[in-house]
Protein backbone atom coordinates (compact mmCIF):
# COMPACT_ATOMS: atom_id res chain seq x y z
CA MET A 1 150.67 80.00 131.31
CA LYS A 2 148.69 78.96 128.16
CA THR A 3 147.42 81.51 126.02
CA GLU A 4 144.19 81.69 125.34
CA TYR A 5 142.62 82.37 121.76
CA LYS A 6 139.53 83.73 120.77
CA ARG A 7 137.97 81.71 118.18
CA LEU A 8 136.69 82.98 114.93
CA LYS A 9 135.25 80.90 111.64
CA GLY A 10 135.09 82.06 107.85
CA SER A 11 137.03 84.79 105.62
CA GLN A 12 134.86 87.66 106.43
CA SER A 13 136.31 91.04 107.83
CA PHE A 14 139.63 89.16 107.75
CA ARG A 15 142.06 92.39 107.73
CA GLN A 16 139.89 94.00 110.46
CA ARG A 17 139.90 90.61 112.41
CA LEU A 18 143.89 90.82 112.15
CA LEU A 19 144.32 94.48 112.94
CA LEU A 20 142.14 94.50 115.74
CA ALA A 21 144.08 91.21 117.55
CA THR A 22 146.95 93.02 116.70
CA LEU A 23 145.79 96.26 118.63
CA SER A 24 143.80 94.72 121.05
CA SER A 25 146.80 91.66 121.79
CA THR A 26 144.19 89.49 121.35
CA PRO A 27 145.51 85.81 119.92
CA ILE A 28 142.94 84.53 117.59
CA ILE A 29 142.17 80.94 115.44
CA ILE A 30 140.32 81.39 112.65
CA ASP A 31 138.56 78.17 111.22
CA ASP A 32 136.55 77.07 108.23
CA ILE A 33 138.35 79.72 105.85
CA ARG A 34 136.26 79.14 102.68
CA ALA A 35 136.30 75.53 103.71
CA ASP A 36 133.54 74.79 101.01
CA GLU A 37 134.87 76.63 98.32
CA THR A 38 136.35 75.86 94.83
CA TRP A 39 139.32 77.47 95.99
CA PRO A 40 139.40 77.39 99.87
CA GLY A 41 141.83 78.16 102.55
CA LEU A 42 143.64 82.23 102.67
CA HIS A 43 143.97 83.93 99.38
CA ASN A 44 146.92 84.97 98.43
CA HIS A 45 146.37 89.18 99.66
CA GLU A 46 145.26 87.94 102.74
CA ILE A 47 148.97 85.45 103.22
CA SER A 48 151.03 88.81 101.92
CA LEU A 49 148.89 90.76 104.74
CA LEU A 50 150.06 88.35 107.21
CA ARG A 51 153.40 88.45 105.94
CA LEU A 52 153.27 92.65 106.37
CA PHE A 53 152.26 92.40 110.07
CA GLU A 54 155.01 90.06 110.54
CA THR A 55 157.64 92.36 109.02
CA VAL A 56 156.44 95.26 111.65
CA SER A 57 156.11 92.85 114.44
CA ASP A 58 158.53 91.20 116.33
CA ASP A 59 157.37 87.89 118.05
CA CYS A 60 154.36 87.42 116.33
CA LEU A 61 153.06 83.87 115.54
CA VAL A 62 151.59 83.27 112.12
CA GLN A 63 150.76 79.41 111.72
CA ILE A 64 148.67 78.33 108.83
CA ASN A 65 147.68 74.28 108.28
CA GLU A 66 147.95 72.74 104.70
CA THR A 67 144.38 73.93 102.99
CA GLY A 68 145.19 77.28 104.28
CA THR A 69 141.72 76.86 106.01
CA LYS A 70 142.76 77.43 109.94
CA LEU A 71 144.77 80.13 110.52
CA LYS A 72 146.32 80.16 114.45
CA TYR A 73 147.97 83.98 114.73
CA LYS A 74 149.53 85.39 118.06
CA PRO A 75 150.49 89.45 118.06
CA GLY A 76 153.77 90.32 118.79
CA ILE A 77 155.14 93.91 119.36
CA ILE A 78 154.41 96.52 116.74
CA MET A 79 158.13 97.40 115.58
CA GLY A 80 158.13 99.86 113.15
CA GLY A 81 161.35 101.74 112.17
CA THR A 82 162.58 101.94 108.70
CA GLN A 83 162.08 98.96 106.08
CA HIS A 84 165.04 98.39 103.67
CA ARG A 85 162.83 95.80 101.66
CA PRO A 86 159.74 96.33 99.81
CA HIS A 87 156.73 94.59 100.81
CA ASP A 88 155.27 93.30 97.32
CA CYS A 89 151.53 93.40 97.76
CA GLY A 90 150.46 91.48 94.74
CA VAL A 91 148.04 91.70 91.98
CA SER A 92 145.14 90.54 93.20
CA ARG A 93 144.25 93.20 95.79
CA SER A 94 145.71 96.73 95.38
CA ILE A 95 148.13 98.39 97.97
CA ALA A 96 144.95 100.36 99.59
CA TYR A 97 144.09 97.38 100.94
CA PHE A 98 146.96 97.08 102.89
CA LEU A 99 147.69 100.79 103.58
CA GLU A 100 144.28 101.17 106.03
CA PRO A 101 145.71 98.43 108.46
CA LEU A 102 148.99 99.47 108.10
CA ILE A 103 148.44 102.94 108.97
CA LEU A 104 146.53 102.22 112.24
CA LEU A 105 149.32 100.08 113.48
CA GLY A 106 152.47 102.18 112.38
CA LEU A 107 151.09 104.77 114.57
CA PHE A 108 151.40 103.12 117.91
CA ALA A 109 154.72 101.08 116.87
CA LYS A 110 157.57 102.07 118.92
CA LYS A 111 159.43 103.83 116.29
CA PRO A 112 158.12 105.72 113.23
CA LEU A 113 157.54 103.37 110.19
CA THR A 114 158.60 103.86 106.52
CA ILE A 115 157.97 101.08 104.20
CA THR A 116 157.79 100.61 100.12
CA LEU A 117 154.78 98.54 98.97
CA LYS A 118 154.95 97.25 95.55
CA GLY A 119 151.85 96.52 93.50
CA ILE A 120 148.29 97.95 92.29
CA THR A 121 148.17 101.33 92.88
CA ASN A 122 144.75 102.12 90.99
CA ASP A 123 141.96 99.31 90.20
CA PHE A 124 138.42 99.95 91.19
CA LYS A 125 137.85 97.31 93.91
CA ASP A 126 139.52 99.57 96.44
CA PRO A 127 140.24 103.15 96.89
CA SER A 128 143.56 104.65 95.00
CA VAL A 129 146.57 105.27 96.36
CA ASP A 130 145.48 108.75 95.24
CA THR A 131 142.25 109.06 97.04
CA PHE A 132 144.22 107.80 100.30
CA LYS A 133 146.92 109.93 99.78
CA SER A 134 143.76 113.05 99.60
CA THR A 135 141.33 111.99 102.18
CA ALA A 136 142.28 109.54 104.14
CA LEU A 137 146.01 111.20 105.71
CA PRO A 138 144.20 114.22 106.42
CA MET A 139 141.71 112.51 108.31
CA LEU A 140 144.49 111.19 110.77
CA LYS A 141 145.24 114.92 111.54
CA ARG A 142 141.73 115.25 113.05
CA PHE A 143 142.58 112.90 115.89
CA GLY A 144 145.83 114.63 116.60
CA VAL A 145 148.31 112.81 114.23
CA PRO A 146 151.35 115.45 113.78
CA ALA A 147 151.22 116.48 110.01
CA GLU A 148 155.08 115.97 110.01
CA GLY A 149 156.59 112.60 109.30
CA LEU A 150 153.41 111.34 107.72
CA SER A 151 153.44 111.47 104.13
CA LEU A 152 152.55 108.90 100.81
CA LYS A 153 154.95 109.17 98.06
CA ILE A 154 154.00 107.10 94.50
CA GLU A 155 157.05 106.60 92.92
CA SER A 156 155.25 104.56 90.06
CA ARG A 157 151.71 103.70 89.04
CA GLY A 158 150.84 99.89 88.30
CA VAL A 159 147.20 98.71 86.85
CA PRO A 160 145.94 95.17 86.68
CA PRO A 161 146.67 92.75 85.36
CA ASN A 162 150.38 93.40 86.26
CA GLY A 163 151.15 95.81 88.82
CA GLY A 164 154.40 97.14 88.73
CA GLY A 165 153.08 100.26 91.12
CA GLU A 166 155.61 101.71 94.32
CA VAL A 167 154.08 103.55 96.95
CA VAL A 168 156.53 105.15 99.99
CA LEU A 169 154.70 105.17 103.24
CA SER A 170 155.85 107.26 106.14
CA LEU A 171 153.86 107.50 109.72
CA PRO A 172 154.74 109.29 113.20
CA VAL A 173 153.98 107.55 116.13
CA VAL A 174 151.64 109.05 118.73
CA GLN A 175 151.64 108.62 122.69
CA SER A 176 147.51 108.34 121.84
CA LEU A 177 144.59 109.72 119.39
CA SER A 178 142.53 112.58 120.36
CA ALA A 179 138.54 112.16 120.35
CA VAL A 180 136.80 114.46 118.15
CA ASN A 181 133.23 116.32 117.92
CA TRP A 182 132.62 116.05 114.29
CA THR A 183 128.96 116.17 112.96
CA GLU A 184 129.00 119.11 110.53
CA GLU A 185 129.05 118.57 107.28
CA GLY A 186 129.98 121.99 105.99
CA PHE A 187 128.93 123.22 102.03
CA VAL A 188 131.07 121.89 99.41
CA LYS A 189 133.60 125.03 98.07
CA LYS A 190 135.91 123.28 96.09
CA ILE A 191 136.88 120.20 93.83
CA ARG A 192 140.28 118.54 93.40
CA GLY A 193 141.14 115.95 91.80
CA ILE A 194 144.01 113.98 89.78
CA THR A 195 144.01 111.45 86.43
CA PHE A 196 146.78 109.35 85.46
CA SER A 197 147.50 107.67 82.85
CA THR A 198 150.20 104.76 82.15
CA LYS A 199 151.21 103.28 78.86
CA VAL A 200 148.31 104.75 76.97
CA SER A 201 147.89 108.53 75.62
CA ALA A 202 147.85 111.69 77.85
CA GLN A 203 145.12 112.78 75.44
CA PHE A 204 142.91 110.24 77.68
CA GLU A 205 143.46 112.28 80.68
CA ASN A 206 142.23 115.64 79.18
CA SER A 207 138.77 113.83 78.06
CA MET A 208 138.21 112.62 81.65
CA ILE A 209 138.66 115.83 82.88
CA ARG A 210 136.51 117.73 80.37
CA ALA A 211 133.68 115.41 81.18
CA ALA A 212 134.18 115.48 84.87
CA ARG A 213 134.23 119.31 84.76
CA GLY A 214 131.12 119.23 82.37
CA ILE A 215 128.67 117.85 85.39
CA PHE A 216 131.01 120.41 88.22
CA ASN A 217 130.95 123.42 86.15
CA PRO A 218 127.35 124.38 86.12
CA LEU A 219 127.56 123.93 90.45
CA LEU A 220 130.81 124.97 91.26
CA SER A 221 133.57 127.23 90.11
CA ASP A 222 136.51 126.04 91.89
CA VAL A 223 137.25 122.74 90.13
CA HIS A 224 141.03 121.86 89.62
CA ILE A 225 141.83 118.40 88.46
CA PHE A 226 145.41 117.59 87.88
CA THR A 227 147.17 115.13 85.39
CA ASP A 228 149.56 112.10 85.58
CA HIS A 229 151.08 110.80 82.81
CA ARG A 230 153.74 108.13 83.53
CA SER A 231 156.02 106.39 80.80
CA GLY A 232 158.52 104.01 81.03
CA PRO A 233 159.94 102.03 84.74
CA GLN A 234 157.05 104.76 86.21
CA ALA A 235 153.99 103.39 84.02
CA GLY A 236 154.30 100.17 85.59
CA ASN A 237 153.76 96.88 83.23
CA SER A 238 150.06 97.28 82.34
CA PRO A 239 148.27 99.96 80.37
CA GLY A 240 145.41 101.73 81.95
CA TYR A 241 144.11 105.23 82.82
CA GLY A 242 141.89 106.38 85.96
CA ILE A 243 140.64 109.63 87.71
CA SER A 244 140.33 110.54 91.85
CA LEU A 245 138.49 113.34 92.98
CA VAL A 246 137.86 115.17 96.07
CA ALA A 247 135.02 117.64 97.61
CA GLU A 248 136.34 119.67 100.17
CA THR A 249 133.97 121.57 102.37
CA THR A 250 133.54 124.59 104.42
CA THR A 251 134.25 122.57 107.59
CA GLY A 252 137.29 121.05 105.76
CA CYS A 253 135.39 117.45 105.41
CA LEU A 254 136.85 115.58 102.58
CA ILE A 255 134.08 113.37 100.40
CA SER A 256 135.97 111.22 98.01
CA ALA A 257 135.42 109.32 94.97
CA ASP A 258 137.92 107.06 92.17
CA THR A 259 137.75 104.35 89.69
CA ALA A 260 140.76 102.98 87.04
CA VAL A 261 140.61 101.24 83.86
CA SER A 262 142.49 98.34 82.33
CA HIS A 263 142.69 95.49 80.23
CA ALA A 264 142.40 93.05 82.86
CA ARG A 265 139.26 91.57 82.26
CA HIS A 266 137.68 94.68 81.41
CA GLU A 267 134.09 93.63 82.84
CA GLU A 268 135.71 93.28 86.60
CA THR A 269 137.92 95.89 86.18
CA THR A 270 135.91 98.97 86.78
CA GLY A 271 133.33 100.57 89.13
CA LEU A 272 131.02 102.25 86.61
CA GLU A 273 127.99 100.66 84.58
CA ASP A 274 127.84 100.01 80.65
CA ASP A 275 131.49 98.19 80.79
CA SER A 276 132.10 97.26 76.97
CA LYS A 277 134.37 93.82 77.10
CA LYS A 278 135.73 94.29 73.80
CA ASP A 279 137.21 98.06 74.33
CA LEU A 280 138.68 99.82 77.44
CA MET A 281 135.50 102.17 78.34
CA PRO A 282 135.58 105.37 76.87
CA PRO A 283 137.61 108.24 79.08
CA GLU A 284 134.68 110.91 78.54
CA ASP A 285 132.35 108.12 80.43
CA VAL A 286 134.95 107.43 83.14
CA GLY A 287 134.83 111.20 83.71
CA ARG A 288 131.51 111.75 83.92
CA GLY A 289 130.49 108.69 85.63
CA ILE A 290 132.67 109.51 88.44
CA ALA A 291 131.68 112.92 88.86
CA ASN A 292 128.05 111.77 89.35
CA ILE A 293 129.45 109.16 91.77
CA LEU A 294 130.62 111.88 93.88
CA LEU A 295 127.71 113.96 93.32
CA GLY A 296 126.07 110.93 95.27
CA GLU A 297 128.50 110.59 98.06
CA ILE A 298 128.04 114.31 98.67
CA ALA A 299 124.15 114.06 98.61
CA GLN A 300 124.27 111.04 101.41
CA GLY A 301 125.56 113.66 103.88
CA GLY A 302 128.36 112.95 106.69
CA VAL A 303 131.45 113.88 107.11
CA VAL A 304 133.51 111.15 105.23
CA ASP A 305 132.34 109.21 102.24
CA SER A 306 130.95 106.06 102.32
CA THR A 307 134.33 104.49 101.27
CA HIS A 308 135.93 105.78 104.75
CA GLN A 309 133.70 104.93 107.33
CA GLY A 310 135.28 102.10 108.38
CA LEU A 311 138.58 104.05 108.81
CA LEU A 312 136.96 106.68 110.37
CA PHE A 313 135.00 104.44 113.20
CA LEU A 314 138.46 102.34 113.74
CA LEU A 315 140.12 106.02 114.83
CA CYS A 316 136.85 106.56 117.47
CA ALA A 317 137.21 103.20 118.77
CA LEU A 318 141.35 103.93 119.59
CA CYS A 319 140.76 106.83 120.93
CA PRO A 320 141.28 107.41 124.38
CA GLN A 321 138.23 106.48 127.06
CA ASP A 322 136.83 109.62 125.80
CA PHE A 323 133.33 110.28 123.89
CA SER A 324 133.82 111.32 119.93
CA LYS A 325 130.13 112.07 117.97
CA ILE A 326 130.13 111.42 114.73
CA ARG A 327 127.48 111.74 111.56
CA VAL A 328 127.97 109.85 108.45
CA GLY A 329 125.65 109.20 105.38
CA LYS A 330 123.86 105.83 104.80
CA LEU A 331 125.30 103.11 106.76
CA SER A 332 127.67 101.18 104.50
CA GLN A 333 127.90 97.07 104.40
CA HIS A 334 131.78 97.62 104.78
CA GLY A 335 130.59 100.62 108.03
CA ILE A 336 128.30 97.74 109.33
CA GLU A 337 130.86 95.65 109.52
CA THR A 338 133.27 97.66 111.17
CA LEU A 339 131.11 98.19 114.09
CA ARG A 340 130.49 94.65 114.72
CA ASN A 341 134.11 94.13 115.05
CA ILE A 342 134.97 97.03 117.38
CA ARG A 343 132.24 95.16 119.51
CA ASP A 344 134.06 91.83 119.29
CA PHE A 345 137.48 93.06 119.99
CA LEU A 346 137.21 96.16 121.67
CA ASN A 347 134.04 95.52 123.59
CA LEU A 348 132.90 99.15 122.55
CA LYS A 349 129.50 100.05 121.02
CA PHE A 350 128.16 103.48 119.43
CA VAL A 351 124.69 104.63 119.86
CA ILE A 352 123.28 105.22 116.38
CA LYS A 353 120.77 107.76 116.04
CA PRO A 354 119.11 108.67 112.72
CA ASP A 355 119.07 112.00 111.65
CA PRO A 356 115.51 112.58 110.37
CA GLN A 357 115.82 115.89 108.73
CA THR A 358 119.28 115.53 106.66
CA GLN A 359 118.51 111.52 106.59
CA SER A 360 122.28 111.27 108.04
CA VAL A 361 123.54 108.93 110.81
CA LEU A 362 124.67 110.24 114.04
CA LEU A 363 127.43 107.95 116.06
CA LYS A 364 128.49 108.59 119.56
CA GLY A 365 130.97 106.16 121.18
CA MET A 366 133.76 105.86 123.87
CA GLY A 367 137.10 105.24 122.81
CA TYR A 368 139.10 102.00 123.41
CA GLY A 369 141.72 103.83 125.59
CA MET A 370 144.65 102.45 123.35
CA LYS A 371 148.17 103.76 124.12
CA ASN A 372 151.69 103.81 123.19
CA LEU A 373 153.22 102.71 125.95
CA SER A 374 156.65 102.53 124.05
CA ARG A 375 155.82 106.46 123.02
CA LYS A 376 158.18 108.36 125.64
CA ILE A 377 156.16 111.62 127.18
CA SER A 378 158.48 115.04 126.18
């Protein structure tokens, strides 16, 4: 029987296209991948992501043409299991770029997944592994994922340009997710965070903490930011520092913001303004800047921050055929693209209703009915 392929064009949403193609067992062909750009074809991190999908699956087919501008992908069976060989994520994107699709694959695998990922743990392009651990993993529990067997262990840190970080991800398997009614944001009751430093003075962390607390303390008394200074092999291959902050509300919502600073083309390696191109941004400015960004995320409203909208929408879409209702702040570009991909691959549409009183957005949608057929019911 001839395989029918869904035809797509361009490099946009590559990660989600691959994920949704796999979860919906939809073979795809992507043409014109950066065909007109100076560096045409798939980038290193995208090829690494394909190799990761191959690692955790059986019988998946990956064919790339010579220029890298055309991909033919036929999903296989998601096996999971303990992977004894670490996966090298490279240094063009951080480990968190790989973690989001990996956790959604792992939940529907045949066996609980344990895998080591090597690369960059902290940069400004993607959420840090700290934020992923403190915000994304707890979100899974809202959808019925058991806490037992769910963990992310940071063995060593790595920042641009040379990485050197290592994490170990462990995931349980589920028969199915649970639909949610998650619309109450609550009020912020505490702020937690962690700073890190690699191959620089630990005083950088203290300066970031003092500056961040200077913003939060007039507003909230329960503020604790921990430190994680690494040296030797655990510090990776490049000097840098950064901070991850999480605000927890009275209804258990987690709103996060983070950034990292390193010597790699510094004008491109922080998410904050007023960068100096000659020296690393002063840690005081980093602490103050990220604290203000977190306050902005809180002010937008919603049960998650803008960075995690895409993951939230995907989890709702992969629920059983029952309605989920959620509230977010202003829809991010990534969130909008996620909704389009869910529509294109799963044929699901969310009802979107702006709330003029709070400036937030309510979404309601029915799940795809994703089930793990290899998961035995006890």
